[in-house]
Amino acid sequence: MPKIKTHSRAKKTFRVTGTGKIRRYKAFKSHLLTKKSKTRKRHLRIHGLVHPSNARLVKKMLVMA
């Protein structure tokens, strides 16, 4: 049986917290930033958590499950 590979994009995108939750970056922060307010861009810098309904899939991509 071959080894299971980690999804390359997932290992660059997601991080696992100390409590086992999965941290993610927020969307809409890559381009067209001049029309977005300072407040909106500041809130987009804060990391979010992966929703529990998607956490199982992300853990599978990270070969944690």
PDB file of N, CA and C in Angstrom:
ATOM      1  N   MET A   1       0.844  -1.188   0.000  1.00  0.00           N
ATOM      2  CA  MET A   1       0.000   0.000   0.000  1.00  0.00           C
ATOM      3  C   MET A   1       0.891   1.255   0.000  1.00  0.00           C
ATOM      4  N   PRO A   2       0.698   2.172  -0.973  1.00  0.00           N
ATOM      5  CA  PRO A   2       1.549   3.367  -1.014  1.00  0.00           C
ATOM      6  C   PRO A   2       1.184   4.368   0.078  1.00  0.00           C
ATOM      7  N   LYS A   3       2.115   5.266   0.350  1.00  0.00           N
ATOM      8  CA  LYS A   3       1.861   6.313   1.334  1.00  0.00           C
ATOM      9  C   LYS A   3       0.851   7.305   0.774  1.00  0.00           C
ATOM     10  N   ILE A   4       0.075   7.927   1.648  1.00  0.00           N
ATOM     11  CA  ILE A   4      -0.900   8.938   1.234  1.00  0.00           C
ATOM     12  C   ILE A   4      -0.199  10.283   1.230  1.00  0.00           C
ATOM     13  N   LYS A   5      -0.300  10.995   0.104  1.00  0.00           N
ATOM     14  CA  LYS A   5       0.367  12.290  -0.008  1.00  0.00           C
ATOM     15  C   LYS A   5      -0.520  13.403   0.531  1.00  0.00           C
ATOM     16  N   THR A   6       0.115  14.412   1.107  1.00  0.00           N
ATOM     17  CA  THR A   6      -0.571  15.610   1.565  1.00  0.00           C
ATOM     18  C   THR A   6      -0.880  16.478   0.356  1.00  0.00           C
ATOM     19  N   HIS A   7      -2.033  17.122   0.360  1.00  0.00           N
ATOM     20  CA  HIS A   7      -2.430  18.039  -0.706  1.00  0.00           C
ATOM     21  C   HIS A   7      -1.524  19.268  -0.638  1.00  0.00           C
ATOM     22  N   SER A   8      -0.781  19.535  -1.718  1.00  0.00           N
ATOM     23  CA  SER A   8       0.257  20.571  -1.696  1.00  0.00           C
ATOM     24  C   SER A   8      -0.295  21.962  -1.397  1.00  0.00           C
ATOM     25  N   ARG A   9      -1.432  22.321  -1.992  1.00  0.00           N
ATOM     26  CA  ARG A   9      -2.001  23.650  -1.744  1.00  0.00           C
ATOM     27  C   ARG A   9      -2.513  23.755  -0.309  1.00  0.00           C
ATOM     28  N   ALA A  10      -3.066  22.684   0.210  1.00  0.00           N
ATOM     29  CA  ALA A  10      -3.632  22.709   1.563  1.00  0.00           C
ATOM     30  C   ALA A  10      -2.552  22.939   2.610  1.00  0.00           C
ATOM     31  N   LYS A  11      -1.382  22.340   2.441  1.00  0.00           N
ATOM     32  CA  LYS A  11      -0.333  22.513   3.444  1.00  0.00           C
ATOM     33  C   LYS A  11       0.225  23.930   3.436  1.00  0.00           C
ATOM     34  N   LYS A  12       0.078  24.656   2.299  1.00  0.00           N
ATOM     35  CA  LYS A  12       0.521  26.047   2.235  1.00  0.00           C
ATOM     36  C   LYS A  12      -0.558  27.009   2.737  1.00  0.00           C
ATOM     37  N   THR A  13      -1.820  26.578   2.699  1.00  0.00           N
ATOM     38  CA  THR A  13      -2.943  27.462   2.993  1.00  0.00           C
ATOM     39  C   THR A  13      -3.418  27.371   4.437  1.00  0.00           C
ATOM     40  N   PHE A  14      -3.468  26.165   4.981  1.00  0.00           N
ATOM     41  CA  PHE A  14      -4.055  25.953   6.299  1.00  0.00           C
ATOM     42  C   PHE A  14      -2.993  25.640   7.345  1.00  0.00           C
ATOM     43  N   ARG A  15      -3.287  26.047   8.589  1.00  0.00           N
ATOM     44  CA  ARG A  15      -2.423  25.725   9.716  1.00  0.00           C
ATOM     45  C   ARG A  15      -3.297  25.145  10.818  1.00  0.00           C
ATOM     46  N   VAL A  16      -2.758  24.226  11.587  1.00  0.00           N
ATOM     47  CA  VAL A  16      -3.507  23.618  12.678  1.00  0.00           C
ATOM     48  C   VAL A  16      -3.137  24.332  13.968  1.00  0.00           C
ATOM     49  N   THR A  17      -4.144  24.735  14.729  1.00  0.00           N
ATOM     50  CA  THR A  17      -3.908  25.411  16.007  1.00  0.00           C
ATOM     51  C   THR A  17      -3.555  24.379  17.075  1.00  0.00           C
ATOM     52  N   GLY A  18      -3.191  24.858  18.235  1.00  0.00           N
ATOM     53  CA  GLY A  18      -2.837  23.972  19.337  1.00  0.00           C
ATOM     54  C   GLY A  18      -3.990  23.122  19.818  1.00  0.00           C
ATOM     55  N   THR A  19      -5.207  23.628  19.661  1.00  0.00           N
ATOM     56  CA  THR A  19      -6.387  22.876  20.096  1.00  0.00           C
ATOM     57  C   THR A  19      -6.934  21.956  19.012  1.00  0.00           C
ATOM     58  N   GLY A  20      -6.283  21.944  17.833  1.00  0.00           N
ATOM     59  CA  GLY A  20      -6.705  21.050  16.761  1.00  0.00           C
ATOM     60  C   GLY A  20      -7.640  21.670  15.751  1.00  0.00           C
ATOM     61  N   LYS A  21      -7.977  22.955  15.919  1.00  0.00           N
ATOM     62  CA  LYS A  21      -8.814  23.624  14.924  1.00  0.00           C
ATOM     63  C   LYS A  21      -7.934  24.019  13.742  1.00  0.00           C
ATOM     64  N   ILE A  22      -8.552  24.294  12.604  1.00  0.00           N
ATOM     65  CA  ILE A  22      -7.799  24.626  11.404  1.00  0.00           C
ATOM     66  C   ILE A  22      -7.975  26.096  11.090  1.00  0.00           C
ATOM     67  N   ARG A  23      -6.852  26.799  10.988  1.00  0.00           N
ATOM     68  CA  ARG A  23      -6.840  28.225  10.719  1.00  0.00           C
ATOM     69  C   ARG A  23      -6.753  28.454   9.217  1.00  0.00           C
ATOM     70  N   ARG A  24      -7.413  29.501   8.725  1.00  0.00           N
ATOM     71  CA  ARG A  24      -7.395  29.823   7.302  1.00  0.00           C
ATOM     72  C   ARG A  24      -7.237  31.323   7.124  1.00  0.00           C
ATOM     73  N   TYR A  25      -6.838  31.711   5.919  1.00  0.00           N
ATOM     74  CA  TYR A  25      -6.781  33.123   5.576  1.00  0.00           C
ATOM     75  C   TYR A  25      -8.128  33.538   5.001  1.00  0.00           C
ATOM     76  N   LYS A  26      -8.449  34.821   5.136  1.00  0.00           N
ATOM     77  CA  LYS A  26      -9.715  35.306   4.599  1.00  0.00           C
ATOM     78  C   LYS A  26      -9.566  35.631   3.117  1.00  0.00           C
ATOM     79  N   ALA A  27     -10.647  35.523   2.387  1.00  0.00           N
ATOM     80  CA  ALA A  27     -10.656  35.798   0.956  1.00  0.00           C
ATOM     81  C   ALA A  27     -10.790  37.297   0.688  1.00  0.00           C
ATOM     82  N   PHE A  28     -10.648  37.696  -0.567  1.00  0.00           N
ATOM     83  CA  PHE A  28     -10.848  39.073  -1.046  1.00  0.00           C
ATOM     84  C   PHE A  28      -9.774  40.039  -0.549  1.00  0.00           C
ATOM     85  N   LYS A  29      -8.543  39.570  -0.352  1.00  0.00           N
ATOM     86  CA  LYS A  29      -7.467  40.441   0.112  1.00  0.00           C
ATOM     87  C   LYS A  29      -6.301  40.474  -0.876  1.00  0.00           C
ATOM     88  N   SER A  30      -6.473  39.897  -2.063  1.00  0.00           N
ATOM     89  CA  SER A  30      -5.330  39.774  -2.970  1.00  0.00           C
ATOM     90  C   SER A  30      -5.187  40.926  -3.975  1.00  0.00           C
ATOM     91  N   HIS A  31      -6.284  41.463  -4.473  1.00  0.00           N
ATOM     92  CA  HIS A  31      -6.180  42.530  -5.473  1.00  0.00           C
ATOM     93  C   HIS A  31      -7.426  43.402  -5.406  1.00  0.00           C
ATOM     94  N   LEU A  32      -7.429  44.485  -6.187  1.00  0.00           N
ATOM     95  CA  LEU A  32      -8.517  45.489  -6.184  1.00  0.00           C
ATOM     96  C   LEU A  32      -8.716  46.061  -4.784  1.00  0.00           C
ATOM     97  N   LEU A  33      -7.620  46.423  -4.133  1.00  0.00           N
ATOM     98  CA  LEU A  33      -7.688  46.877  -2.746  1.00  0.00           C
ATOM     99  C   LEU A  33      -7.974  48.369  -2.608  1.00  0.00           C
ATOM    100  N   THR A  34      -7.858  49.138  -3.690  1.00  0.00           N
ATOM    101  CA  THR A  34      -8.053  50.586  -3.578  1.00  0.00           C
ATOM    102  C   THR A  34      -9.504  50.946  -3.291  1.00  0.00           C
ATOM    103  N   LYS A  35     -10.431  50.145  -3.768  1.00  0.00           N
ATOM    104  CA  LYS A  35     -11.853  50.456  -3.545  1.00  0.00           C
ATOM    105  C   LYS A  35     -12.363  49.957  -2.194  1.00  0.00           C
ATOM    106  N   LYS A  36     -11.571  49.141  -1.502  1.00  0.00           N
ATOM    107  CA  LYS A  36     -11.990  48.597  -0.216  1.00  0.00           C
ATOM    108  C   LYS A  36     -11.531  49.523   0.901  1.00  0.00           C
ATOM    109  N   SER A  37     -12.364  49.668   1.912  1.00  0.00           N
ATOM    110  CA  SER A  37     -12.055  50.593   2.999  1.00  0.00           C
ATOM    111  C   SER A  37     -10.930  50.046   3.875  1.00  0.00           C
ATOM    112  N   LYS A  38     -10.298  50.945   4.630  1.00  0.00           N
ATOM    113  CA  LYS A  38      -9.219  50.552   5.538  1.00  0.00           C
ATOM    114  C   LYS A  38      -9.726  49.554   6.570  1.00  0.00           C
ATOM    115  N   THR A  39     -10.920  49.808   7.067  1.00  0.00           N
ATOM    116  CA  THR A  39     -11.509  48.918   8.075  1.00  0.00           C
ATOM    117  C   THR A  39     -11.710  47.522   7.524  1.00  0.00           C
ATOM    118  N   ARG A  40     -12.223  47.453   6.303  1.00  0.00           N
ATOM    119  CA  ARG A  40     -12.477  46.154   5.680  1.00  0.00           C
ATOM    120  C   ARG A  40     -11.173  45.388   5.462  1.00  0.00           C
ATOM    121  N   LYS A  41     -10.139  46.079   4.985  1.00  0.00           N
ATOM    122  CA  LYS A  41      -8.848  45.433   4.746  1.00  0.00           C
ATOM    123  C   LYS A  41      -8.211  44.986   6.056  1.00  0.00           C
ATOM    124  N   ARG A  42      -8.387  45.771   7.115  1.00  0.00           N
ATOM    125  CA  ARG A  42      -7.850  45.417   8.431  1.00  0.00           C
ATOM    126  C   ARG A  42      -8.529  44.158   8.964  1.00  0.00           C
ATOM    127  N   HIS A  43      -9.834  44.049   8.777  1.00  0.00           N
ATOM    128  CA  HIS A  43     -10.560  42.864   9.235  1.00  0.00           C
ATOM    129  C   HIS A  43     -10.191  41.630   8.413  1.00  0.00           C
ATOM    130  N   LEU A  44      -9.830  41.827   7.151  1.00  0.00           N
ATOM    131  CA  LEU A  44      -9.436  40.700   6.311  1.00  0.00           C
ATOM    132  C   LEU A  44      -8.068  40.138   6.686  1.00  0.00           C
ATOM    133  N   ARG A  45      -7.265  40.942   7.413  1.00  0.00           N
ATOM    134  CA  ARG A  45      -5.947  40.452   7.844  1.00  0.00           C
ATOM    135  C   ARG A  45      -6.053  39.412   8.946  1.00  0.00           C
ATOM    136  N   ILE A  46      -7.132  39.466   9.714  1.00  0.00           N
ATOM    137  CA  ILE A  46      -7.308  38.557  10.846  1.00  0.00           C
ATOM    138  C   ILE A  46      -7.632  37.160  10.324  1.00  0.00           C
ATOM    139  N   HIS A  47      -6.978  36.160  10.876  1.00  0.00           N
ATOM    140  CA  HIS A  47      -7.224  34.781  10.454  1.00  0.00           C
ATOM    141  C   HIS A  47      -8.606  34.334  10.885  1.00  0.00           C
ATOM    142  N   GLY A  48      -9.206  33.479  10.082  1.00  0.00           N
ATOM    143  CA  GLY A  48     -10.474  32.865  10.437  1.00  0.00           C
ATOM    144  C   GLY A  48     -10.250  31.390  10.708  1.00  0.00           C
ATOM    145  N   LEU A  49     -11.288  30.709  11.114  1.00  0.00           N
ATOM    146  CA  LEU A  49     -11.226  29.270  11.319  1.00  0.00           C
ATOM    147  C   LEU A  49     -12.077  28.585  10.266  1.00  0.00           C
ATOM    148  N   VAL A  50     -11.672  27.396   9.886  1.00  0.00           N
ATOM    149  CA  VAL A  50     -12.448  26.606   8.932  1.00  0.00           C
ATOM    150  C   VAL A  50     -13.731  26.158   9.624  1.00  0.00           C
ATOM    151  N   HIS A  51     -14.848  26.290   8.921  1.00  0.00           N
ATOM    152  CA  HIS A  51     -16.143  25.894   9.478  1.00  0.00           C
ATOM    153  C   HIS A  51     -16.126  24.396   9.776  1.00  0.00           C
ATOM    154  N   PRO A  52     -16.759  23.978  10.888  1.00  0.00           N
ATOM    155  CA  PRO A  52     -16.757  22.552  11.250  1.00  0.00           C
ATOM    156  C   PRO A  52     -17.265  21.614  10.158  1.00  0.00           C
ATOM    157  N   SER A  53     -18.183  22.095   9.314  1.00  0.00           N
ATOM    158  CA  SER A  53     -18.689  21.235   8.244  1.00  0.00           C
ATOM    159  C   SER A  53     -17.634  20.971   7.168  1.00  0.00           C
ATOM    160  N   ASN A  54     -16.641  21.853   7.041  1.00  0.00           N
ATOM    161  CA  ASN A  54     -15.571  21.667   6.064  1.00  0.00           C
ATOM    162  C   ASN A  54     -14.290  21.140   6.690  1.00  0.00           C
ATOM    163  N   ALA A  55     -14.224  21.120   8.007  1.00  0.00           N
ATOM    164  CA  ALA A  55     -12.986  20.746   8.701  1.00  0.00           C
ATOM    165  C   ALA A  55     -12.570  19.315   8.380  1.00  0.00           C
ATOM    166  N   ARG A  56     -13.521  18.416   8.246  1.00  0.00           N
ATOM    167  CA  ARG A  56     -13.200  17.011   7.969  1.00  0.00           C
ATOM    168  C   ARG A  56     -12.492  16.873   6.625  1.00  0.00           C
ATOM    169  N   LEU A  57     -12.975  17.606   5.627  1.00  0.00           N
ATOM    170  CA  LEU A  57     -12.374  17.570   4.294  1.00  0.00           C
ATOM    171  C   LEU A  57     -10.954  18.138   4.316  1.00  0.00           C
ATOM    172  N   VAL A  58     -10.766  19.247   5.030  1.00  0.00           N
ATOM    173  CA  VAL A  58      -9.446  19.875   5.100  1.00  0.00           C
ATOM    174  C   VAL A  58      -8.467  18.970   5.846  1.00  0.00           C
ATOM    175  N   LYS A  59      -8.928  18.353   6.916  1.00  0.00           N
ATOM    176  CA  LYS A  59      -8.068  17.427   7.658  1.00  0.00           C
ATOM    177  C   LYS A  59      -7.657  16.255   6.779  1.00  0.00           C
ATOM    178  N   LYS A  60      -8.559  15.824   5.915  1.00  0.00           N
ATOM    179  CA  LYS A  60      -8.257  14.722   4.998  1.00  0.00           C
ATOM    180  C   LYS A  60      -7.187  15.165   3.996  1.00  0.00           C
ATOM    181  N   MET A  61      -7.279  16.417   3.529  1.00  0.00           N
ATOM    182  CA  MET A  61      -6.271  16.937   2.607  1.00  0.00           C
ATOM    183  C   MET A  61      -4.908  17.077   3.282  1.00  0.00           C
ATOM    184  N   LEU A  62      -4.930  17.384   4.582  1.00  0.00           N
ATOM    185  CA  LEU A  62      -3.685  17.505   5.339  1.00  0.00           C
ATOM    186  C   LEU A  62      -3.203  16.162   5.889  1.00  0.00           C
ATOM    187  N   VAL A  63      -3.925  15.103   5.589  1.00  0.00           N
ATOM    188  CA  VAL A  63      -3.644  13.724   6.048  1.00  0.00           C
ATOM    189  C   VAL A  63      -3.515  13.686   7.567  1.00  0.00           C
ATOM    190  N   MET A  64      -4.544  14.221   8.230  1.00  0.00           N
ATOM    191  CA  MET A  64      -4.602  14.189   9.680  1.00  0.00           C
ATOM    192  C   MET A  64      -5.597  13.149  10.140  1.00  0.00           C
ATOM    193  N   ALA A  65      -6.590  12.847   9.298  1.00  0.00           N
ATOM    194  CA  ALA A  65      -7.669  11.959   9.706  1.00  0.00           C
ATOM    195  C   ALA A  65      -7.309  10.493   9.549  1.00  0.00           C
TER     196      ALA A  65
END
